[in-house]
Amino acid sequence: MSLEDEFRALLHDSDSPSLVAGCGMICEAAGHSRAREILEDQFDSLSMTVGGTDLIGVVRSLRDELGFDGDRQNYDDPVNSMLHLVIERRRGLPILLAVVVHEVCRMKSIPTLIIGMPGHVLVSDGAAQPTYVDPFHSAHPMSAGGARGLYETMTGLSNFSESFLDPLPNRAVLWRILNNLLSRYRRTGELANVRWVMRLRSVFPDVGPEFDREFARLMGPMN
């Protein structure tokens, strides 16, 4: 089975596909061999070394004890979207750091949700009065009001909607990671990398005719 077929099976066989498996396949499609095996070992190690009994405790342990942080110097460098390299380097994009937090919490039986605000990603404990944290910047807990303030500060906009704090399903997390890579590769003209990203995007359920037209347009220069 090809990697593309494995990715298709992952996305179609479960309503909530494994983020670690999906991220590992993205890494392998980018040329990083054995990424899924490496990730398994990395998360086994993290589950034993990361402290904390709740979301904030886990983020504090990852940041303060292990040095995880956002990469502000080379924000959209593709290494910041490769999960095994994010863990190795302790640096990454907000969405990849959210995946690290979410998976470590899952392994410690701590409930969490990934929150896909426009332009940024948070993690929530999903409580009735939820607490949010932004692992890219800090381990400081936020209320919904604090999350709104962060959005307005980062964007300069006053159009905040409560829907911005809706949980991001696992498929949507993987789609957003691929979109980040596609944006980078299109901007830098790396057509070979555009091609593998588009092929992985093509196997998502319910991609519409707009995607087919985009795929044809972007693949045209490579024919």
C-alpha atoms as a PDB file:
ATOM      1  CA  MET A   1       0.000   0.000   0.000  1.00  0.00           C
ATOM      2  CA  SER A   2       1.328   3.405  -0.943  1.00  0.00           C
ATOM      3  CA  LEU A   3       1.713   6.156   1.619  1.00  0.00           C
ATOM      4  CA  GLU A   4      -1.091   8.046  -0.113  1.00  0.00           C
ATOM      5  CA  ASP A   5      -3.367   4.998   0.240  1.00  0.00           C
ATOM      6  CA  GLU A   6      -2.407   4.633   3.909  1.00  0.00           C
ATOM      7  CA  PHE A   7      -3.274   8.275   4.496  1.00  0.00           C
ATOM      8  CA  ARG A   8      -6.606   7.802   2.739  1.00  0.00           C
ATOM      9  CA  ALA A   9      -7.395   4.775   4.893  1.00  0.00           C
ATOM     10  CA  LEU A  10      -6.488   6.690   8.060  1.00  0.00           C
ATOM     11  CA  LEU A  11      -8.826   9.540   7.153  1.00  0.00           C
ATOM     12  CA  HIS A  12     -11.738   7.395   5.993  1.00  0.00           C
ATOM     13  CA  ASP A  13     -11.695   4.531   8.515  1.00  0.00           C
ATOM     14  CA  SER A  14     -12.256   6.655  11.616  1.00  0.00           C
ATOM     15  CA  ASP A  15     -14.249   9.742  12.538  1.00  0.00           C
ATOM     16  CA  SER A  16     -11.273  10.812  14.657  1.00  0.00           C
ATOM     17  CA  PRO A  17      -8.070   9.649  12.952  1.00  0.00           C
ATOM     18  CA  SER A  18      -4.878   9.501  14.969  1.00  0.00           C
ATOM     19  CA  LEU A  19      -3.067  12.835  14.855  1.00  0.00           C
ATOM     20  CA  VAL A  20       0.292  11.202  15.515  1.00  0.00           C
ATOM     21  CA  ALA A  21      -0.151   8.685  12.698  1.00  0.00           C
ATOM     22  CA  GLY A  22      -1.378  11.405  10.341  1.00  0.00           C
ATOM     23  CA  CYS A  23       1.459  13.763  11.224  1.00  0.00           C
ATOM     24  CA  GLY A  24       3.920  10.889  10.805  1.00  0.00           C
ATOM     25  CA  MET A  25       2.621  10.197   7.305  1.00  0.00           C
ATOM     26  CA  ILE A  26       2.951  13.882   6.424  1.00  0.00           C
ATOM     27  CA  CYS A  27       6.569  13.767   7.606  1.00  0.00           C
ATOM     28  CA  GLU A  28       7.257  10.637   5.575  1.00  0.00           C
ATOM     29  CA  ALA A  29       5.657  12.171   2.470  1.00  0.00           C
ATOM     30  CA  ALA A  30       8.097  15.061   2.930  1.00  0.00           C
ATOM     31  CA  GLY A  31      10.988  12.595   2.805  1.00  0.00           C
ATOM     32  CA  HIS A  32      11.561  11.881   6.495  1.00  0.00           C
ATOM     33  CA  SER A  33      11.792   8.101   6.629  1.00  0.00           C
ATOM     34  CA  ARG A  34      10.602   6.169   9.688  1.00  0.00           C
ATOM     35  CA  ALA A  35       8.854   9.254  11.099  1.00  0.00           C
ATOM     36  CA  ARG A  36       5.963   7.221  12.511  1.00  0.00           C
ATOM     37  CA  GLU A  37       8.344   4.876  14.299  1.00  0.00           C
ATOM     38  CA  ILE A  38      10.353   7.810  15.627  1.00  0.00           C
ATOM     39  CA  LEU A  39       7.200   9.526  16.867  1.00  0.00           C
ATOM     40  CA  GLU A  40       6.103   6.431  18.739  1.00  0.00           C
ATOM     41  CA  ASP A  41       9.411   6.366  20.621  1.00  0.00           C
ATOM     42  CA  GLN A  42       9.321  10.134  21.215  1.00  0.00           C
ATOM     43  CA  PHE A  43       5.847  10.098  22.728  1.00  0.00           C
ATOM     44  CA  ASP A  44       6.652   7.056  24.861  1.00  0.00           C
ATOM     45  CA  SER A  45       9.538   9.071  26.283  1.00  0.00           C
ATOM     46  CA  LEU A  46       7.449  12.234  26.733  1.00  0.00           C
ATOM     47  CA  SER A  47       4.697  10.339  28.536  1.00  0.00           C
ATOM     48  CA  MET A  48       7.244   9.253  31.136  1.00  0.00           C
ATOM     49  CA  THR A  49       9.084  12.570  31.525  1.00  0.00           C
ATOM     50  CA  VAL A  50       6.355  15.225  31.287  1.00  0.00           C
ATOM     51  CA  GLY A  51       4.853  16.171  34.624  1.00  0.00           C
ATOM     52  CA  GLY A  52       1.481  17.649  35.486  1.00  0.00           C
ATOM     53  CA  THR A  53      -1.931  16.239  36.278  1.00  0.00           C
ATOM     54  CA  ASP A  54      -3.972  18.708  34.226  1.00  0.00           C
ATOM     55  CA  LEU A  55      -3.651  20.677  30.985  1.00  0.00           C
ATOM     56  CA  ILE A  56      -1.836  23.652  32.489  1.00  0.00           C
ATOM     57  CA  GLY A  57       0.549  21.405  34.417  1.00  0.00           C
ATOM     58  CA  VAL A  58       1.455  19.501  31.246  1.00  0.00           C
ATOM     59  CA  VAL A  59       2.103  22.698  29.282  1.00  0.00           C
ATOM     60  CA  ARG A  60       4.214  24.093  32.120  1.00  0.00           C
ATOM     61  CA  SER A  61       6.254  20.898  32.219  1.00  0.00           C
ATOM     62  CA  LEU A  62       6.764  20.905  28.443  1.00  0.00           C
ATOM     63  CA  ARG A  63       7.812  24.547  28.418  1.00  0.00           C
ATOM     64  CA  ASP A  64       9.629  25.063  31.715  1.00  0.00           C
ATOM     65  CA  GLU A  65      11.279  21.664  32.150  1.00  0.00           C
ATOM     66  CA  LEU A  66      11.770  20.466  28.561  1.00  0.00           C
ATOM     67  CA  GLY A  67      12.086  23.798  26.748  1.00  0.00           C
ATOM     68  CA  PHE A  68       9.225  23.567  24.249  1.00  0.00           C
ATOM     69  CA  ASP A  69       8.383  26.939  22.729  1.00  0.00           C
ATOM     70  CA  GLY A  70       7.134  28.576  19.550  1.00  0.00           C
ATOM     71  CA  ASP A  71       9.625  29.247  16.770  1.00  0.00           C
ATOM     72  CA  ARG A  72       9.305  32.990  16.244  1.00  0.00           C
ATOM     73  CA  GLN A  73      12.536  33.358  14.259  1.00  0.00           C
ATOM     74  CA  ASN A  74      11.696  31.043  11.356  1.00  0.00           C
ATOM     75  CA  TYR A  75       7.950  30.747  11.813  1.00  0.00           C
ATOM     76  CA  ASP A  76       6.887  29.001   8.607  1.00  0.00           C
ATOM     77  CA  ASP A  77      10.016  26.912   8.060  1.00  0.00           C
ATOM     78  CA  PRO A  78       8.736  23.438   7.094  1.00  0.00           C
ATOM     79  CA  VAL A  79      10.611  21.872  10.016  1.00  0.00           C
ATOM     80  CA  ASN A  80       8.078  23.594  12.280  1.00  0.00           C
ATOM     81  CA  SER A  81       5.337  21.484  10.668  1.00  0.00           C
ATOM     82  CA  MET A  82       7.154  18.130  10.945  1.00  0.00           C
ATOM     83  CA  LEU A  83       6.034  16.656  14.257  1.00  0.00           C
ATOM     84  CA  HIS A  84       9.086  14.488  14.963  1.00  0.00           C
ATOM     85  CA  LEU A  85      11.378  17.466  14.284  1.00  0.00           C
ATOM     86  CA  VAL A  86       9.220  19.721  16.469  1.00  0.00           C
ATOM     87  CA  ILE A  87       9.740  17.272  19.336  1.00  0.00           C
ATOM     88  CA  GLU A  88      13.453  16.913  18.587  1.00  0.00           C
ATOM     89  CA  ARG A  89      14.050  20.679  18.329  1.00  0.00           C
ATOM     90  CA  ARG A  90      11.466  21.692  20.976  1.00  0.00           C
ATOM     91  CA  ARG A  91      10.233  24.330  18.529  1.00  0.00           C
ATOM     92  CA  GLY A  92       7.257  24.491  16.206  1.00  0.00           C
ATOM     93  CA  LEU A  93       4.146  26.188  14.894  1.00  0.00           C
ATOM     94  CA  PRO A  94       1.176  26.702  17.232  1.00  0.00           C
ATOM     95  CA  ILE A  95      -0.790  23.825  15.731  1.00  0.00           C
ATOM     96  CA  LEU A  96       2.101  21.362  16.064  1.00  0.00           C
ATOM     97  CA  LEU A  97       2.749  22.370  19.674  1.00  0.00           C
ATOM     98  CA  ALA A  98      -0.979  21.901  20.284  1.00  0.00           C
ATOM     99  CA  VAL A  99      -0.698  18.373  18.869  1.00  0.00           C
ATOM    100  CA  VAL A 100       2.204  17.633  21.238  1.00  0.00           C
ATOM    101  CA  VAL A 101       0.202  18.894  24.239  1.00  0.00           C
ATOM    102  CA  HIS A 102      -2.953  17.068  23.144  1.00  0.00           C
ATOM    103  CA  GLU A 103      -1.182  13.738  22.629  1.00  0.00           C
ATOM    104  CA  VAL A 104       0.773  13.881  25.884  1.00  0.00           C
ATOM    105  CA  CYS A 105      -2.447  14.701  27.727  1.00  0.00           C
ATOM    106  CA  ARG A 106      -4.234  11.839  25.963  1.00  0.00           C
ATOM    107  CA  MET A 107      -1.525   9.422  27.103  1.00  0.00           C
ATOM    108  CA  LYS A 108      -1.945  10.737  30.654  1.00  0.00           C
ATOM    109  CA  SER A 109      -5.773  10.448  30.455  1.00  0.00           C
ATOM    110  CA  ILE A 110      -6.206  14.229  30.674  1.00  0.00           C
ATOM    111  CA  PRO A 111      -9.054  15.466  28.434  1.00  0.00           C
ATOM    112  CA  THR A 112      -8.123  18.230  26.000  1.00  0.00           C
ATOM    113  CA  LEU A 113      -9.448  19.853  22.834  1.00  0.00           C
ATOM    114  CA  ILE A 114      -7.512  21.609  20.072  1.00  0.00           C
ATOM    115  CA  ILE A 115      -9.059  25.014  19.339  1.00  0.00           C
ATOM    116  CA  GLY A 116      -8.541  26.387  15.841  1.00  0.00           C
ATOM    117  CA  MET A 117      -8.982  30.138  16.151  1.00  0.00           C
ATOM    118  CA  PRO A 118      -8.433  31.976  12.857  1.00  0.00           C
ATOM    119  CA  GLY A 119      -4.711  32.566  12.601  1.00  0.00           C
ATOM    120  CA  HIS A 120      -3.780  30.782  15.826  1.00  0.00           C
ATOM    121  CA  VAL A 121      -4.319  27.541  17.738  1.00  0.00           C
ATOM    122  CA  LEU A 122      -5.007  26.995  21.437  1.00  0.00           C
ATOM    123  CA  VAL A 123      -5.667  23.971  23.632  1.00  0.00           C
ATOM    124  CA  SER A 124      -8.626  23.726  26.010  1.00  0.00           C
ATOM    125  CA  ASP A 125      -9.526  21.433  28.874  1.00  0.00           C
ATOM    126  CA  GLY A 126     -13.092  21.247  27.561  1.00  0.00           C
ATOM    127  CA  ALA A 127     -14.640  21.968  30.967  1.00  0.00           C
ATOM    128  CA  ALA A 128     -18.052  23.604  31.433  1.00  0.00           C
ATOM    129  CA  GLN A 129     -16.159  26.835  32.099  1.00  0.00           C
ATOM    130  CA  PRO A 130     -13.173  26.017  29.911  1.00  0.00           C
ATOM    131  CA  THR A 131      -9.583  26.994  30.488  1.00  0.00           C
ATOM    132  CA  TYR A 132      -7.466  27.752  27.427  1.00  0.00           C
ATOM    133  CA  VAL A 133      -3.719  27.798  26.981  1.00  0.00           C
ATOM    134  CA  ASP A 134      -1.480  29.010  24.154  1.00  0.00           C
ATOM    135  CA  PRO A 135       1.549  26.659  24.190  1.00  0.00           C
ATOM    136  CA  PHE A 136       3.261  28.697  21.460  1.00  0.00           C
ATOM    137  CA  HIS A 137       3.659  31.672  23.801  1.00  0.00           C
ATOM    138  CA  SER A 138       3.260  30.561  27.426  1.00  0.00           C
ATOM    139  CA  ALA A 139       1.641  28.217  29.932  1.00  0.00           C
ATOM    140  CA  HIS A 140      -0.575  31.013  31.256  1.00  0.00           C
ATOM    141  CA  PRO A 141      -4.216  29.864  31.652  1.00  0.00           C
ATOM    142  CA  MET A 142      -6.880  31.941  29.933  1.00  0.00           C
ATOM    143  CA  SER A 143     -10.639  32.215  30.122  1.00  0.00           C
ATOM    144  CA  ALA A 144     -12.760  32.640  26.990  1.00  0.00           C
ATOM    145  CA  GLY A 145     -12.367  36.377  27.516  1.00  0.00           C
ATOM    146  CA  GLY A 146      -8.612  36.012  27.573  1.00  0.00           C
ATOM    147  CA  ALA A 147      -8.700  34.008  24.348  1.00  0.00           C
ATOM    148  CA  ARG A 148     -10.769  36.769  22.763  1.00  0.00           C
ATOM    149  CA  GLY A 149      -8.241  39.358  23.920  1.00  0.00           C
ATOM    150  CA  LEU A 150      -5.399  37.303  22.434  1.00  0.00           C
ATOM    151  CA  TYR A 151      -7.217  37.086  19.096  1.00  0.00           C
ATOM    152  CA  GLU A 152      -7.865  40.822  19.003  1.00  0.00           C
ATOM    153  CA  THR A 153      -4.274  41.623  19.983  1.00  0.00           C
ATOM    154  CA  MET A 154      -2.806  39.302  17.346  1.00  0.00           C
ATOM    155  CA  THR A 155      -5.115  40.304  14.497  1.00  0.00           C
ATOM    156  CA  GLY A 156      -6.051  43.898  15.310  1.00  0.00           C
ATOM    157  CA  LEU A 157      -9.645  42.941  14.490  1.00  0.00           C
ATOM    158  CA  SER A 158     -12.823  43.307  16.528  1.00  0.00           C
ATOM    159  CA  ASN A 159     -14.844  40.620  14.753  1.00  0.00           C
ATOM    160  CA  PHE A 160     -14.432  37.869  17.365  1.00  0.00           C
ATOM    161  CA  SER A 161     -17.096  35.159  17.365  1.00  0.00           C
ATOM    162  CA  GLU A 162     -17.714  32.484  19.984  1.00  0.00           C
ATOM    163  CA  SER A 163     -17.434  29.948  17.152  1.00  0.00           C
ATOM    164  CA  PHE A 164     -13.708  30.767  16.982  1.00  0.00           C
ATOM    165  CA  LEU A 165     -13.360  28.681  20.158  1.00  0.00           C
ATOM    166  CA  ASP A 166     -15.021  25.587  18.700  1.00  0.00           C
ATOM    167  CA  PRO A 167     -12.901  22.411  18.865  1.00  0.00           C
ATOM    168  CA  LEU A 168     -10.946  21.475  15.750  1.00  0.00           C
ATOM    169  CA  PRO A 169     -11.614  17.857  14.677  1.00  0.00           C
ATOM    170  CA  ASN A 170      -8.560  15.707  14.016  1.00  0.00           C
ATOM    171  CA  ARG A 171      -9.124  15.661  10.251  1.00  0.00           C
ATOM    172  CA  ALA A 172      -9.267  19.459  10.282  1.00  0.00           C
ATOM    173  CA  VAL A 173      -6.007  19.598  12.252  1.00  0.00           C
ATOM    174  CA  LEU A 174      -4.255  17.492   9.593  1.00  0.00           C
ATOM    175  CA  TRP A 175      -5.812  19.592   6.788  1.00  0.00           C
ATOM    176  CA  ARG A 176      -4.597  22.791   8.449  1.00  0.00           C
ATOM    177  CA  ILE A 177      -1.053  21.424   8.830  1.00  0.00           C
ATOM    178  CA  LEU A 178      -1.013  20.599   5.120  1.00  0.00           C
ATOM    179  CA  ASN A 179      -2.391  24.049   4.289  1.00  0.00           C
ATOM    180  CA  ASN A 180       0.447  25.665   6.236  1.00  0.00           C
ATOM    181  CA  LEU A 181       2.974  23.646   4.236  1.00  0.00           C
ATOM    182  CA  LEU A 182       1.209  24.392   0.949  1.00  0.00           C
ATOM    183  CA  SER A 183       1.278  28.119   1.653  1.00  0.00           C
ATOM    184  CA  ARG A 184       5.020  27.998   2.347  1.00  0.00           C
ATOM    185  CA  TYR A 185       5.859  25.862  -0.686  1.00  0.00           C
ATOM    186  CA  ARG A 186       3.747  27.920  -3.053  1.00  0.00           C
ATOM    187  CA  ARG A 187       5.362  31.122  -1.860  1.00  0.00           C
ATOM    188  CA  THR A 188       8.885  29.728  -2.311  1.00  0.00           C
ATOM    189  CA  GLY A 189       8.084  28.040  -5.623  1.00  0.00           C
ATOM    190  CA  GLU A 190       8.899  24.512  -4.414  1.00  0.00           C
ATOM    191  CA  LEU A 191       6.688  22.727  -6.921  1.00  0.00           C
ATOM    192  CA  ALA A 192       7.814  19.190  -6.037  1.00  0.00           C
ATOM    193  CA  ASN A 193       6.746  19.810  -2.451  1.00  0.00           C
ATOM    194  CA  VAL A 194       3.498  21.421  -3.596  1.00  0.00           C
ATOM    195  CA  ARG A 195       2.800  18.203  -5.468  1.00  0.00           C
ATOM    196  CA  TRP A 196       3.032  15.798  -2.509  1.00  0.00           C
ATOM    197  CA  VAL A 197       1.026  18.142  -0.282  1.00  0.00           C
ATOM    198  CA  MET A 198      -1.718  18.390  -2.898  1.00  0.00           C
ATOM    199  CA  ARG A 199      -1.804  14.618  -3.319  1.00  0.00           C
ATOM    200  CA  LEU A 200      -2.327  14.116   0.412  1.00  0.00           C
ATOM    201  CA  ARG A 201      -5.006  16.811   0.446  1.00  0.00           C
ATOM    202  CA  SER A 202      -6.770  15.086  -2.457  1.00  0.00           C
ATOM    203  CA  VAL A 203      -7.660  12.017  -0.336  1.00  0.00           C
ATOM    204  CA  PHE A 204      -9.610  13.907   2.342  1.00  0.00           C
ATOM    205  CA  PRO A 205     -13.327  13.074   2.451  1.00  0.00           C
ATOM    206  CA  ASP A 206     -15.683  15.534   0.774  1.00  0.00           C
ATOM    207  CA  VAL A 207     -13.144  17.531  -1.204  1.00  0.00           C
ATOM    208  CA  GLY A 208     -15.191  19.392  -3.784  1.00  0.00           C
ATOM    209  CA  PRO A 209     -14.777  20.513  -7.399  1.00  0.00           C
ATOM    210  CA  GLU A 210     -12.966  23.665  -6.262  1.00  0.00           C
ATOM    211  CA  PHE A 211     -10.163  21.453  -4.994  1.00  0.00           C
ATOM    212  CA  ASP A 212      -9.968  19.600  -8.328  1.00  0.00           C
ATOM    213  CA  ARG A 213      -9.564  22.892 -10.163  1.00  0.00           C
ATOM    214  CA  GLU A 214      -6.898  24.059  -7.705  1.00  0.00           C
ATOM    215  CA  PHE A 215      -5.066  20.737  -8.036  1.00  0.00           C
ATOM    216  CA  ALA A 216      -5.055  20.957 -11.840  1.00  0.00           C
ATOM    217  CA  ARG A 217      -3.873  24.579 -11.784  1.00  0.00           C
ATOM    218  CA  LEU A 218      -1.011  23.903  -9.394  1.00  0.00           C
ATOM    219  CA  MET A 219       0.069  20.677 -11.093  1.00  0.00           C
ATOM    220  CA  GLY A 220       0.039  22.239 -14.551  1.00  0.00           C
ATOM    221  CA  PRO A 221       3.589  23.650 -14.419  1.00  0.00           C
ATOM    222  CA  MET A 222       4.903  20.179 -13.524  1.00  0.00           C
ATOM    223  CA  ASN A 223       3.449  18.309 -16.530  1.00  0.00           C
END
